[in-house]
N, C-alpha and C. Protein backbone atom coordinates (compact mmCIF):
# COMPACT_ATOMS: atom_id res chain seq x y z
N MET A 1 -43.20 -63.66 17.71
CA MET A 1 -44.53 -63.93 17.23
C MET A 1 -45.52 -63.83 18.38
N PRO A 2 -46.75 -63.51 18.15
CA PRO A 2 -47.74 -63.46 19.18
C PRO A 2 -47.91 -64.86 19.85
N GLU A 3 -48.57 -64.80 21.02
CA GLU A 3 -48.75 -66.10 21.75
C GLU A 3 -49.40 -67.16 20.92
N GLY A 4 -48.91 -68.38 21.06
CA GLY A 4 -49.54 -69.48 20.34
C GLY A 4 -48.90 -69.77 19.00
N ILE A 5 -48.11 -68.81 18.53
CA ILE A 5 -47.42 -69.03 17.24
C ILE A 5 -45.94 -69.11 17.57
N THR A 6 -45.41 -70.35 17.48
CA THR A 6 -44.01 -70.52 18.02
C THR A 6 -43.02 -70.87 16.93
N PHE A 7 -43.41 -70.94 15.67
CA PHE A 7 -42.41 -71.29 14.66
C PHE A 7 -41.74 -70.06 14.08
N GLU A 8 -40.61 -70.27 13.51
CA GLU A 8 -39.87 -69.20 12.82
C GLU A 8 -40.24 -69.20 11.33
N ILE A 9 -40.35 -68.04 10.73
CA ILE A 9 -40.73 -67.94 9.34
C ILE A 9 -39.59 -67.29 8.58
N ASP A 10 -39.15 -67.94 7.52
CA ASP A 10 -38.16 -67.27 6.65
C ASP A 10 -38.93 -66.26 5.82
N GLU A 11 -38.71 -65.01 6.15
CA GLU A 11 -39.55 -63.96 5.50
C GLU A 11 -39.21 -63.83 4.01
N ASN A 12 -38.15 -64.43 3.55
CA ASN A 12 -37.81 -64.37 2.10
C ASN A 12 -38.60 -65.38 1.33
N LEU A 13 -39.30 -66.31 1.93
CA LEU A 13 -40.06 -67.37 1.29
C LEU A 13 -41.48 -66.89 0.89
N LEU A 14 -41.98 -65.89 1.51
CA LEU A 14 -43.41 -65.46 1.33
C LEU A 14 -43.52 -64.22 0.52
N PRO A 15 -44.39 -64.22 -0.44
CA PRO A 15 -44.51 -62.96 -1.31
C PRO A 15 -45.09 -61.86 -0.49
N ARG A 16 -44.60 -60.67 -0.86
CA ARG A 16 -45.04 -59.42 -0.25
C ARG A 16 -45.80 -58.62 -1.28
N PRO A 17 -47.04 -58.13 -1.01
CA PRO A 17 -47.72 -57.35 -1.93
C PRO A 17 -47.02 -56.02 -2.15
N GLY A 18 -47.01 -55.52 -3.35
CA GLY A 18 -46.46 -54.20 -3.69
C GLY A 18 -47.43 -53.10 -3.59
N LEU A 19 -48.77 -53.49 -3.71
CA LEU A 19 -49.86 -52.50 -3.61
C LEU A 19 -51.02 -53.09 -2.82
N THR A 20 -51.79 -52.22 -2.19
CA THR A 20 -53.04 -52.66 -1.56
C THR A 20 -54.10 -52.89 -2.64
N HIS A 21 -55.21 -53.49 -2.28
CA HIS A 21 -56.30 -53.67 -3.23
C HIS A 21 -56.78 -52.29 -3.73
N ASN A 22 -56.91 -51.35 -2.82
CA ASN A 22 -57.40 -50.03 -3.25
C ASN A 22 -56.39 -49.23 -4.11
N GLN A 23 -55.11 -49.43 -3.80
CA GLN A 23 -54.08 -48.77 -4.66
C GLN A 23 -54.10 -49.38 -6.09
N THR A 24 -54.37 -50.66 -6.22
CA THR A 24 -54.49 -51.32 -7.48
C THR A 24 -55.71 -50.76 -8.26
N ALA A 25 -56.84 -50.67 -7.54
CA ALA A 25 -58.05 -50.16 -8.15
C ALA A 25 -57.88 -48.74 -8.60
N LEU A 26 -57.22 -47.89 -7.78
CA LEU A 26 -56.91 -46.52 -8.12
C LEU A 26 -56.12 -46.42 -9.43
N LEU A 27 -55.14 -47.24 -9.56
CA LEU A 27 -54.33 -47.24 -10.82
C LEU A 27 -55.21 -47.58 -11.99
N TYR A 28 -56.00 -48.64 -11.92
CA TYR A 28 -56.88 -49.01 -13.00
C TYR A 28 -57.89 -47.87 -13.33
N PHE A 29 -58.45 -47.27 -12.31
CA PHE A 29 -59.44 -46.21 -12.57
C PHE A 29 -58.77 -44.98 -13.19
N SER A 30 -57.47 -44.77 -12.99
CA SER A 30 -56.80 -43.63 -13.55
C SER A 30 -56.17 -44.00 -14.91
N GLY A 31 -56.49 -45.20 -15.39
CA GLY A 31 -55.96 -45.63 -16.68
C GLY A 31 -54.57 -46.15 -16.71
N GLU A 32 -54.04 -46.39 -15.58
CA GLU A 32 -52.66 -46.92 -15.50
C GLU A 32 -52.71 -48.42 -15.18
N GLU A 33 -51.68 -49.12 -15.67
CA GLU A 33 -51.57 -50.55 -15.41
C GLU A 33 -50.69 -50.73 -14.18
N PRO A 34 -51.16 -51.48 -13.16
CA PRO A 34 -50.30 -51.68 -11.98
C PRO A 34 -49.05 -52.47 -12.36
N PRO A 35 -47.98 -52.33 -11.60
CA PRO A 35 -46.86 -53.15 -11.91
C PRO A 35 -47.14 -54.62 -11.63
N PRO A 36 -46.51 -55.51 -12.39
CA PRO A 36 -46.77 -56.95 -12.11
C PRO A 36 -46.31 -57.31 -10.71
N PRO A 37 -46.99 -58.27 -10.08
CA PRO A 37 -46.49 -58.69 -8.76
C PRO A 37 -45.14 -59.40 -8.85
N GLU A 38 -44.42 -59.37 -7.79
CA GLU A 38 -43.18 -60.02 -7.73
C GLU A 38 -43.37 -61.55 -7.90
N GLU A 39 -42.53 -62.17 -8.66
CA GLU A 39 -42.52 -63.60 -8.78
C GLU A 39 -42.13 -64.24 -7.49
N ALA A 40 -42.88 -65.20 -7.08
CA ALA A 40 -42.57 -65.87 -5.81
C ALA A 40 -42.64 -67.36 -5.95
N GLU A 41 -41.81 -68.07 -5.32
CA GLU A 41 -41.92 -69.50 -5.31
C GLU A 41 -43.04 -69.89 -4.42
N LEU A 42 -43.73 -70.96 -4.72
CA LEU A 42 -44.79 -71.46 -3.85
C LEU A 42 -44.17 -72.31 -2.73
N HIS A 43 -44.59 -71.99 -1.52
CA HIS A 43 -44.17 -72.75 -0.38
C HIS A 43 -45.39 -73.05 0.51
N PRO A 44 -45.41 -74.11 1.18
CA PRO A 44 -46.60 -74.37 2.05
C PRO A 44 -46.76 -73.27 3.10
N CYS A 45 -47.99 -73.00 3.42
CA CYS A 45 -48.33 -71.96 4.40
C CYS A 45 -47.71 -72.41 5.76
N PRO A 46 -47.04 -71.51 6.45
CA PRO A 46 -46.47 -71.90 7.73
C PRO A 46 -47.47 -72.28 8.78
N PHE A 47 -48.75 -71.90 8.56
CA PHE A 47 -49.81 -72.26 9.50
C PHE A 47 -50.28 -73.75 9.36
N LEU A 48 -49.82 -74.42 8.31
CA LEU A 48 -50.21 -75.79 8.13
C LEU A 48 -49.47 -76.72 9.10
N ASN A 49 -50.25 -77.61 9.73
CA ASN A 49 -49.61 -78.54 10.66
C ASN A 49 -49.10 -79.80 9.92
N GLU A 50 -48.63 -80.77 10.66
CA GLU A 50 -48.08 -81.99 10.04
C GLU A 50 -49.07 -82.70 9.20
N GLU A 51 -50.33 -82.61 9.53
CA GLU A 51 -51.41 -83.29 8.72
C GLU A 51 -51.88 -82.51 7.53
N GLY A 52 -51.26 -81.31 7.33
CA GLY A 52 -51.66 -80.42 6.25
C GLY A 52 -52.89 -79.61 6.56
N LEU A 53 -53.30 -79.54 7.84
CA LEU A 53 -54.53 -78.81 8.19
C LEU A 53 -54.05 -77.43 8.79
N CYS A 54 -54.91 -76.47 8.69
CA CYS A 54 -54.68 -75.16 9.21
C CYS A 54 -54.67 -75.11 10.73
N SER A 55 -53.55 -74.70 11.32
CA SER A 55 -53.46 -74.69 12.79
C SER A 55 -54.09 -73.46 13.42
N VAL A 56 -54.57 -72.49 12.56
CA VAL A 56 -55.20 -71.30 13.15
C VAL A 56 -56.57 -71.13 12.48
N TYR A 57 -57.15 -72.25 12.08
CA TYR A 57 -58.42 -72.17 11.26
C TYR A 57 -59.48 -71.30 11.86
N GLU A 58 -59.72 -71.37 13.21
CA GLU A 58 -60.77 -70.56 13.77
C GLU A 58 -60.37 -69.09 13.78
N ARG A 59 -59.13 -68.72 13.67
CA ARG A 59 -58.71 -67.33 13.68
C ARG A 59 -57.93 -66.96 12.40
N ARG A 60 -58.27 -67.67 11.30
CA ARG A 60 -57.54 -67.50 10.06
C ARG A 60 -57.82 -66.08 9.47
N PRO A 61 -56.87 -65.55 8.73
CA PRO A 61 -57.07 -64.26 8.17
C PRO A 61 -58.21 -64.22 7.16
N LEU A 62 -58.72 -62.99 6.89
CA LEU A 62 -59.78 -62.80 5.96
C LEU A 62 -59.39 -63.40 4.60
N MET A 63 -58.19 -63.16 4.17
CA MET A 63 -57.76 -63.67 2.89
C MET A 63 -57.97 -65.13 2.78
N CYS A 64 -57.72 -65.89 3.83
CA CYS A 64 -57.95 -67.34 3.78
C CYS A 64 -59.47 -67.64 3.82
N ARG A 65 -60.20 -66.81 4.47
CA ARG A 65 -61.66 -67.08 4.57
C ARG A 65 -62.36 -66.93 3.25
N ILE A 66 -61.86 -66.07 2.40
CA ILE A 66 -62.52 -65.82 1.17
C ILE A 66 -62.07 -66.75 -0.01
N MET A 67 -61.06 -67.54 0.28
CA MET A 67 -60.53 -68.47 -0.73
C MET A 67 -61.33 -69.76 -0.69
N VAL A 68 -62.11 -70.00 -1.72
CA VAL A 68 -62.98 -71.17 -1.78
C VAL A 68 -62.50 -71.96 -2.99
N SER A 69 -61.69 -73.02 -2.78
CA SER A 69 -61.13 -73.78 -3.87
C SER A 69 -62.10 -74.89 -4.31
N PHE A 70 -62.17 -75.12 -5.62
CA PHE A 70 -62.95 -76.16 -6.15
C PHE A 70 -62.26 -77.53 -6.15
N LYS A 71 -61.02 -77.52 -5.80
CA LYS A 71 -60.25 -78.79 -5.70
C LYS A 71 -59.45 -78.76 -4.42
N LYS A 72 -59.07 -79.93 -3.98
CA LYS A 72 -58.29 -80.00 -2.79
C LYS A 72 -56.95 -79.35 -3.01
N CYS A 73 -56.54 -78.44 -2.14
CA CYS A 73 -55.28 -77.76 -2.30
C CYS A 73 -54.17 -78.66 -1.76
N SER A 74 -53.01 -78.51 -2.33
CA SER A 74 -51.86 -79.25 -1.86
C SER A 74 -50.82 -78.20 -1.46
N PRO A 75 -49.84 -78.56 -0.71
CA PRO A 75 -48.83 -77.62 -0.23
C PRO A 75 -48.21 -76.73 -1.35
N LEU A 76 -48.05 -77.29 -2.51
CA LEU A 76 -47.37 -76.53 -3.57
C LEU A 76 -48.26 -76.25 -4.72
N GLN A 77 -49.56 -76.25 -4.52
CA GLN A 77 -50.48 -75.97 -5.57
C GLN A 77 -51.53 -74.91 -5.13
N GLN A 78 -51.71 -73.93 -5.99
CA GLN A 78 -52.67 -72.87 -5.67
C GLN A 78 -54.12 -73.36 -5.68
N ALA A 79 -54.97 -72.56 -4.96
CA ALA A 79 -56.39 -72.86 -5.00
C ALA A 79 -56.95 -72.63 -6.35
N GLU A 80 -58.05 -73.27 -6.64
CA GLU A 80 -58.75 -73.06 -7.92
C GLU A 80 -60.15 -72.57 -7.57
N LEU A 81 -60.45 -71.33 -7.95
CA LEU A 81 -61.78 -70.79 -7.63
C LEU A 81 -62.35 -70.09 -8.84
N SER A 82 -63.68 -69.93 -8.79
CA SER A 82 -64.38 -69.31 -9.87
C SER A 82 -64.05 -67.79 -9.95
N GLN A 83 -64.20 -67.22 -11.11
CA GLN A 83 -64.00 -65.82 -11.30
C GLN A 83 -64.93 -64.95 -10.40
N GLU A 84 -66.20 -65.42 -10.27
CA GLU A 84 -67.17 -64.72 -9.51
C GLU A 84 -66.75 -64.70 -8.01
N LEU A 85 -66.39 -65.92 -7.46
CA LEU A 85 -65.96 -65.88 -6.07
C LEU A 85 -64.68 -65.10 -5.83
N TYR A 86 -63.78 -65.14 -6.80
CA TYR A 86 -62.56 -64.36 -6.72
C TYR A 86 -62.91 -62.85 -6.64
N LEU A 87 -63.75 -62.42 -7.55
CA LEU A 87 -64.15 -60.97 -7.53
C LEU A 87 -64.92 -60.59 -6.27
N ARG A 88 -65.77 -61.46 -5.76
CA ARG A 88 -66.47 -61.18 -4.56
C ARG A 88 -65.47 -61.06 -3.37
N GLY A 89 -64.44 -61.88 -3.35
CA GLY A 89 -63.43 -61.78 -2.35
C GLY A 89 -62.65 -60.49 -2.43
N LEU A 90 -62.29 -60.07 -3.66
CA LEU A 90 -61.59 -58.78 -3.87
C LEU A 90 -62.43 -57.62 -3.32
N ILE A 91 -63.73 -57.65 -3.62
CA ILE A 91 -64.62 -56.62 -3.15
C ILE A 91 -64.65 -56.59 -1.63
N ALA A 92 -64.71 -57.72 -1.03
CA ALA A 92 -64.75 -57.84 0.43
C ALA A 92 -63.43 -57.24 1.03
N LEU A 93 -62.32 -57.56 0.38
CA LEU A 93 -61.03 -56.98 0.86
C LEU A 93 -60.96 -55.53 0.68
N GLN A 94 -61.55 -55.00 -0.42
CA GLN A 94 -61.58 -53.55 -0.65
C GLN A 94 -62.45 -52.89 0.39
N ILE A 95 -63.56 -53.43 0.72
CA ILE A 95 -64.45 -52.88 1.74
C ILE A 95 -63.75 -52.84 3.08
N VAL A 96 -63.06 -53.88 3.39
CA VAL A 96 -62.32 -53.90 4.69
C VAL A 96 -61.24 -52.86 4.65
N GLU A 97 -60.47 -52.70 3.53
CA GLU A 97 -59.50 -51.67 3.53
C GLU A 97 -60.09 -50.28 3.65
N ASN A 98 -61.26 -50.04 3.14
CA ASN A 98 -61.96 -48.75 3.30
C ASN A 98 -62.34 -48.52 4.75
N ILE A 99 -62.67 -49.55 5.47
CA ILE A 99 -63.04 -49.39 6.88
C ILE A 99 -61.78 -49.15 7.73
N GLU A 100 -60.73 -49.91 7.44
CA GLU A 100 -59.52 -49.94 8.21
C GLU A 100 -58.45 -48.96 7.66
N LEU A 101 -58.89 -47.70 7.48
CA LEU A 101 -58.00 -46.72 6.84
C LEU A 101 -56.74 -46.49 7.60
N TYR A 102 -56.73 -46.68 8.90
CA TYR A 102 -55.53 -46.39 9.66
C TYR A 102 -54.72 -47.68 9.98
N GLY A 103 -54.99 -48.71 9.19
CA GLY A 103 -54.32 -49.95 9.39
C GLY A 103 -53.17 -50.16 8.41
N LEU A 104 -52.58 -51.36 8.53
CA LEU A 104 -51.49 -51.74 7.66
C LEU A 104 -51.89 -52.89 6.80
N TYR A 105 -51.20 -53.02 5.69
CA TYR A 105 -51.47 -54.02 4.72
C TYR A 105 -50.20 -54.79 4.34
N GLY A 106 -50.27 -56.13 4.36
CA GLY A 106 -49.10 -56.91 3.99
C GLY A 106 -49.41 -58.37 4.17
N ASN A 107 -48.48 -59.24 4.00
CA ASN A 107 -48.81 -60.62 4.21
C ASN A 107 -48.88 -60.84 5.77
N ILE A 108 -49.70 -61.79 6.16
CA ILE A 108 -50.04 -61.98 7.58
C ILE A 108 -48.78 -62.23 8.47
N PHE A 109 -47.82 -62.93 7.87
CA PHE A 109 -46.63 -63.25 8.66
C PHE A 109 -45.70 -62.02 8.91
N ASP A 110 -45.66 -61.15 7.91
CA ASP A 110 -44.96 -59.88 8.08
C ASP A 110 -45.67 -59.05 9.14
N LEU A 111 -46.99 -59.00 9.09
CA LEU A 111 -47.74 -58.23 10.07
C LEU A 111 -47.58 -58.78 11.48
N LEU A 112 -47.66 -60.10 11.64
CA LEU A 112 -47.46 -60.70 12.95
C LEU A 112 -46.03 -60.43 13.48
N LYS A 113 -45.07 -60.59 12.65
CA LYS A 113 -43.67 -60.35 13.02
C LYS A 113 -43.50 -58.87 13.44
N PHE A 114 -44.02 -57.98 12.70
CA PHE A 114 -43.91 -56.57 13.03
C PHE A 114 -44.53 -56.29 14.38
N LEU A 115 -45.70 -56.79 14.62
CA LEU A 115 -46.37 -56.56 15.90
C LEU A 115 -45.57 -57.16 17.06
N SER A 116 -45.06 -58.35 16.87
CA SER A 116 -44.25 -59.03 17.91
C SER A 116 -42.99 -58.24 18.17
N ASP A 117 -42.26 -57.89 17.11
CA ASP A 117 -40.99 -57.12 17.27
C ASP A 117 -41.29 -55.73 17.96
N LEU A 118 -42.38 -55.08 17.52
CA LEU A 118 -42.72 -53.82 18.11
C LEU A 118 -42.98 -53.94 19.62
N LYS A 119 -43.76 -54.91 19.94
CA LYS A 119 -44.11 -55.17 21.37
C LYS A 119 -42.91 -55.49 22.18
N LYS A 120 -41.92 -56.23 21.58
CA LYS A 120 -40.67 -56.52 22.32
C LYS A 120 -39.64 -55.38 22.27
N GLY A 121 -39.97 -54.29 21.63
CA GLY A 121 -39.05 -53.16 21.57
C GLY A 121 -37.87 -53.33 20.58
N LYS A 122 -37.96 -54.33 19.69
CA LYS A 122 -36.92 -54.59 18.71
C LYS A 122 -36.89 -53.54 17.62
N ILE A 123 -38.04 -52.96 17.27
CA ILE A 123 -38.17 -51.97 16.24
C ILE A 123 -39.02 -50.82 16.72
N ASP A 124 -38.90 -49.65 16.11
CA ASP A 124 -39.73 -48.52 16.54
C ASP A 124 -40.39 -47.84 15.38
N GLU A 125 -40.29 -48.40 14.19
CA GLU A 125 -41.00 -47.82 13.01
C GLU A 125 -41.51 -48.91 12.12
N ILE A 126 -42.41 -48.52 11.27
CA ILE A 126 -43.05 -49.53 10.41
C ILE A 126 -42.07 -49.86 9.25
N PRO A 127 -41.86 -51.16 8.99
CA PRO A 127 -40.97 -51.54 7.93
C PRO A 127 -41.53 -51.11 6.55
N PRO A 128 -40.70 -50.80 5.56
CA PRO A 128 -41.21 -50.35 4.27
C PRO A 128 -42.03 -51.33 3.48
N TYR A 129 -41.92 -52.63 3.76
CA TYR A 129 -42.70 -53.61 3.05
C TYR A 129 -44.12 -53.74 3.57
N LEU A 130 -44.45 -53.07 4.70
CA LEU A 130 -45.86 -53.00 5.16
C LEU A 130 -46.49 -51.71 4.61
N LEU A 131 -47.60 -51.81 3.96
CA LEU A 131 -48.25 -50.73 3.26
C LEU A 131 -49.33 -50.13 4.12
N SER A 132 -49.61 -48.85 3.94
CA SER A 132 -50.75 -48.18 4.60
C SER A 132 -52.01 -48.38 3.78
N ASN A 133 -53.11 -48.70 4.44
CA ASN A 133 -54.36 -48.80 3.70
C ASN A 133 -54.78 -47.40 3.18
N VAL A 134 -55.43 -47.40 2.02
CA VAL A 134 -55.88 -46.16 1.43
C VAL A 134 -57.39 -46.29 1.13
N GLU A 135 -58.08 -45.18 1.07
CA GLU A 135 -59.49 -45.17 0.82
C GLU A 135 -59.73 -45.03 -0.68
N PHE A 136 -60.65 -45.83 -1.20
CA PHE A 136 -61.10 -45.72 -2.59
C PHE A 136 -62.48 -46.41 -2.64
N GLU A 137 -63.49 -45.63 -2.76
CA GLU A 137 -64.87 -46.18 -2.64
C GLU A 137 -65.34 -46.87 -3.91
N GLU A 138 -64.78 -46.52 -5.05
CA GLU A 138 -65.28 -47.16 -6.29
C GLU A 138 -64.90 -48.64 -6.29
N LEU A 139 -65.92 -49.41 -6.58
CA LEU A 139 -65.65 -50.91 -6.69
C LEU A 139 -65.37 -51.23 -8.19
N PRO A 140 -64.47 -52.14 -8.38
CA PRO A 140 -64.07 -52.50 -9.75
C PRO A 140 -65.09 -53.37 -10.46
N LEU A 141 -66.24 -52.79 -10.78
CA LEU A 141 -67.35 -53.54 -11.41
C LEU A 141 -67.54 -53.07 -12.86
N LEU A 142 -67.46 -53.99 -13.75
CA LEU A 142 -67.69 -53.63 -15.18
C LEU A 142 -69.22 -53.61 -15.45
N PRO A 143 -69.66 -52.80 -16.41
CA PRO A 143 -71.09 -52.80 -16.71
C PRO A 143 -71.69 -54.17 -17.04
N GLU A 144 -70.90 -55.04 -17.66
CA GLU A 144 -71.40 -56.33 -18.05
C GLU A 144 -71.48 -57.33 -16.91
N GLU A 145 -70.93 -56.95 -15.73
CA GLU A 145 -70.96 -57.88 -14.59
C GLU A 145 -72.20 -57.66 -13.80
N LYS A 146 -73.34 -57.95 -14.43
CA LYS A 146 -74.67 -57.74 -13.83
C LYS A 146 -74.91 -58.56 -12.54
N ASP A 147 -74.43 -59.79 -12.53
CA ASP A 147 -74.63 -60.66 -11.32
C ASP A 147 -73.80 -60.10 -10.20
N LEU A 148 -72.60 -59.69 -10.47
CA LEU A 148 -71.74 -59.14 -9.41
C LEU A 148 -72.31 -57.81 -8.89
N ARG A 149 -72.81 -56.95 -9.78
CA ARG A 149 -73.42 -55.72 -9.40
C ARG A 149 -74.64 -55.98 -8.51
N ALA A 150 -75.44 -56.96 -8.89
CA ALA A 150 -76.62 -57.33 -8.05
C ALA A 150 -76.23 -57.81 -6.70
N TRP A 151 -75.16 -58.62 -6.66
CA TRP A 151 -74.66 -59.11 -5.36
C TRP A 151 -74.20 -57.97 -4.44
N VAL A 152 -73.48 -57.00 -5.04
CA VAL A 152 -73.05 -55.89 -4.22
C VAL A 152 -74.21 -55.03 -3.70
N GLY A 153 -75.18 -54.82 -4.62
CA GLY A 153 -76.43 -54.09 -4.27
C GLY A 153 -77.16 -54.81 -3.12
N ASN A 154 -77.33 -56.09 -3.22
CA ASN A 154 -77.99 -56.90 -2.17
C ASN A 154 -77.17 -56.83 -0.86
N LEU A 155 -75.84 -56.89 -0.96
CA LEU A 155 -74.99 -56.82 0.24
C LEU A 155 -75.21 -55.51 0.99
N TYR A 156 -75.18 -54.41 0.22
CA TYR A 156 -75.36 -53.07 0.80
C TYR A 156 -76.77 -52.86 1.39
N ARG A 157 -77.76 -53.48 0.82
CA ARG A 157 -79.11 -53.32 1.34
C ARG A 157 -79.50 -54.30 2.34
N LYS A 158 -78.68 -55.26 2.58
CA LYS A 158 -78.95 -56.34 3.56
C LYS A 158 -79.16 -55.75 4.97
N GLU A 159 -80.20 -56.09 5.62
CA GLU A 159 -80.42 -55.63 7.00
C GLU A 159 -79.56 -56.47 7.94
N VAL A 160 -78.62 -55.83 8.66
CA VAL A 160 -77.73 -56.56 9.52
C VAL A 160 -78.13 -56.49 10.99
N PHE A 161 -78.81 -55.41 11.31
CA PHE A 161 -79.47 -55.21 12.59
C PHE A 161 -80.86 -54.58 12.35
N PRO A 162 -81.77 -54.82 13.25
CA PRO A 162 -83.12 -54.24 12.97
C PRO A 162 -83.06 -52.78 12.58
N GLY A 163 -83.53 -52.48 11.38
CA GLY A 163 -83.61 -51.12 10.93
C GLY A 163 -82.25 -50.56 10.42
N LYS A 164 -81.20 -51.40 10.30
CA LYS A 164 -79.93 -50.92 9.88
C LYS A 164 -79.32 -51.84 8.77
N THR A 165 -79.03 -51.28 7.62
CA THR A 165 -78.47 -51.99 6.54
C THR A 165 -76.96 -52.09 6.64
N PHE A 166 -76.42 -53.02 5.88
CA PHE A 166 -74.95 -53.18 5.89
C PHE A 166 -74.26 -51.86 5.48
N ARG A 167 -74.82 -51.13 4.49
CA ARG A 167 -74.21 -49.86 4.06
C ARG A 167 -74.26 -48.86 5.18
N GLU A 168 -75.39 -48.78 5.86
CA GLU A 168 -75.46 -47.80 6.99
C GLU A 168 -74.49 -48.16 8.14
N LEU A 169 -74.37 -49.41 8.42
CA LEU A 169 -73.45 -49.87 9.45
C LEU A 169 -72.00 -49.55 9.00
N LEU A 170 -71.69 -49.82 7.76
CA LEU A 170 -70.36 -49.59 7.21
C LEU A 170 -70.01 -48.11 7.40
N TYR A 171 -70.86 -47.21 7.03
CA TYR A 171 -70.60 -45.74 7.17
C TYR A 171 -70.51 -45.31 8.59
N GLU A 172 -71.32 -45.95 9.42
CA GLU A 172 -71.31 -45.61 10.87
C GLU A 172 -69.88 -45.99 11.47
N ILE A 173 -69.43 -47.19 11.12
CA ILE A 173 -68.08 -47.66 11.61
C ILE A 173 -67.06 -46.76 11.07
N LYS A 174 -67.12 -46.39 9.78
CA LYS A 174 -66.09 -45.51 9.19
C LYS A 174 -66.05 -44.16 9.89
N GLU A 175 -67.22 -43.62 10.22
CA GLU A 175 -67.29 -42.33 10.92
C GLU A 175 -66.64 -42.40 12.27
N ARG A 176 -66.92 -43.53 13.02
CA ARG A 176 -66.30 -43.67 14.35
C ARG A 176 -64.82 -43.83 14.20
N LEU A 177 -64.35 -44.54 13.21
CA LEU A 177 -62.89 -44.75 13.09
C LEU A 177 -62.16 -43.49 12.58
N LYS A 178 -62.88 -42.54 11.97
CA LYS A 178 -62.23 -41.28 11.55
C LYS A 178 -61.64 -40.47 12.69
N GLU A 179 -62.20 -40.74 13.90
CA GLU A 179 -61.72 -40.04 15.05
C GLU A 179 -60.37 -40.54 15.56
N LYS A 180 -60.02 -41.76 15.12
CA LYS A 180 -58.77 -42.37 15.50
C LYS A 180 -57.60 -41.76 14.76
N GLU A 181 -56.44 -41.68 15.41
CA GLU A 181 -55.22 -41.27 14.69
C GLU A 181 -54.59 -42.47 14.00
N SER A 182 -53.78 -42.18 13.05
CA SER A 182 -53.12 -43.23 12.27
C SER A 182 -52.39 -44.23 13.18
N LEU A 183 -52.65 -45.52 12.92
CA LEU A 183 -52.03 -46.61 13.64
C LEU A 183 -52.33 -46.66 15.17
N SER A 184 -53.39 -46.02 15.52
CA SER A 184 -53.78 -46.03 17.00
C SER A 184 -54.13 -47.43 17.41
N PHE A 185 -54.39 -48.30 16.49
CA PHE A 185 -54.75 -49.71 16.90
C PHE A 185 -53.54 -50.34 17.62
N LEU A 186 -52.34 -49.86 17.31
CA LEU A 186 -51.15 -50.42 18.00
C LEU A 186 -51.18 -50.14 19.48
N LYS A 187 -51.61 -48.89 19.87
CA LYS A 187 -51.72 -48.53 21.30
C LYS A 187 -52.73 -49.47 21.99
N GLU A 188 -53.79 -49.71 21.30
CA GLU A 188 -54.85 -50.60 21.87
C GLU A 188 -54.33 -52.00 22.06
N ILE A 189 -53.54 -52.49 21.09
CA ILE A 189 -53.01 -53.86 21.19
C ILE A 189 -52.07 -53.99 22.37
N PHE A 190 -51.21 -52.97 22.54
CA PHE A 190 -50.14 -53.07 23.56
C PHE A 190 -50.55 -52.66 24.92
N SER A 191 -51.74 -52.04 25.02
CA SER A 191 -52.23 -51.66 26.36
C SER A 191 -53.11 -52.78 26.93
N ALA A 192 -53.42 -53.78 26.10
CA ALA A 192 -54.27 -54.87 26.56
C ALA A 192 -53.48 -55.88 27.34
């Protein structure tokens, strides 16, 4: 594991996604039903400390940042969030996947273990349970989801720098990243 993470994780306890967010959206847009996710037992997050608090809160993954529960979560109980916040979170994850086209997708613990094992020379290829990000620009918005459509429109028009909207910045970043080769982020990580 990377520095600061010293516990062992039983990789069989944590669910692994079978599809990325964009792969799921692609299936829906092509009229296909995605396969149901694997059934997984609920286990406390390995990042929780003895007090039940997140030990990596300041550096928590995006997935954790977008989960806004309306009730206090317990180790064996899922978060409870509104449909609107859930959909906003999915859109954020889809936007990130579109930016990070040369990245990998999986649960955070599999990703951390892969990076650690790769750095230590224990493996030399990407395990099959880590998925490659794919590009899919269409956002899963239904015509009747007027509030969500308005939110996305406002997000894209939001000025993030003087004279530059979120949409313009997003495409600028994507253009810069097109020059990178697949998984080149690994070279950057290991040369640091």
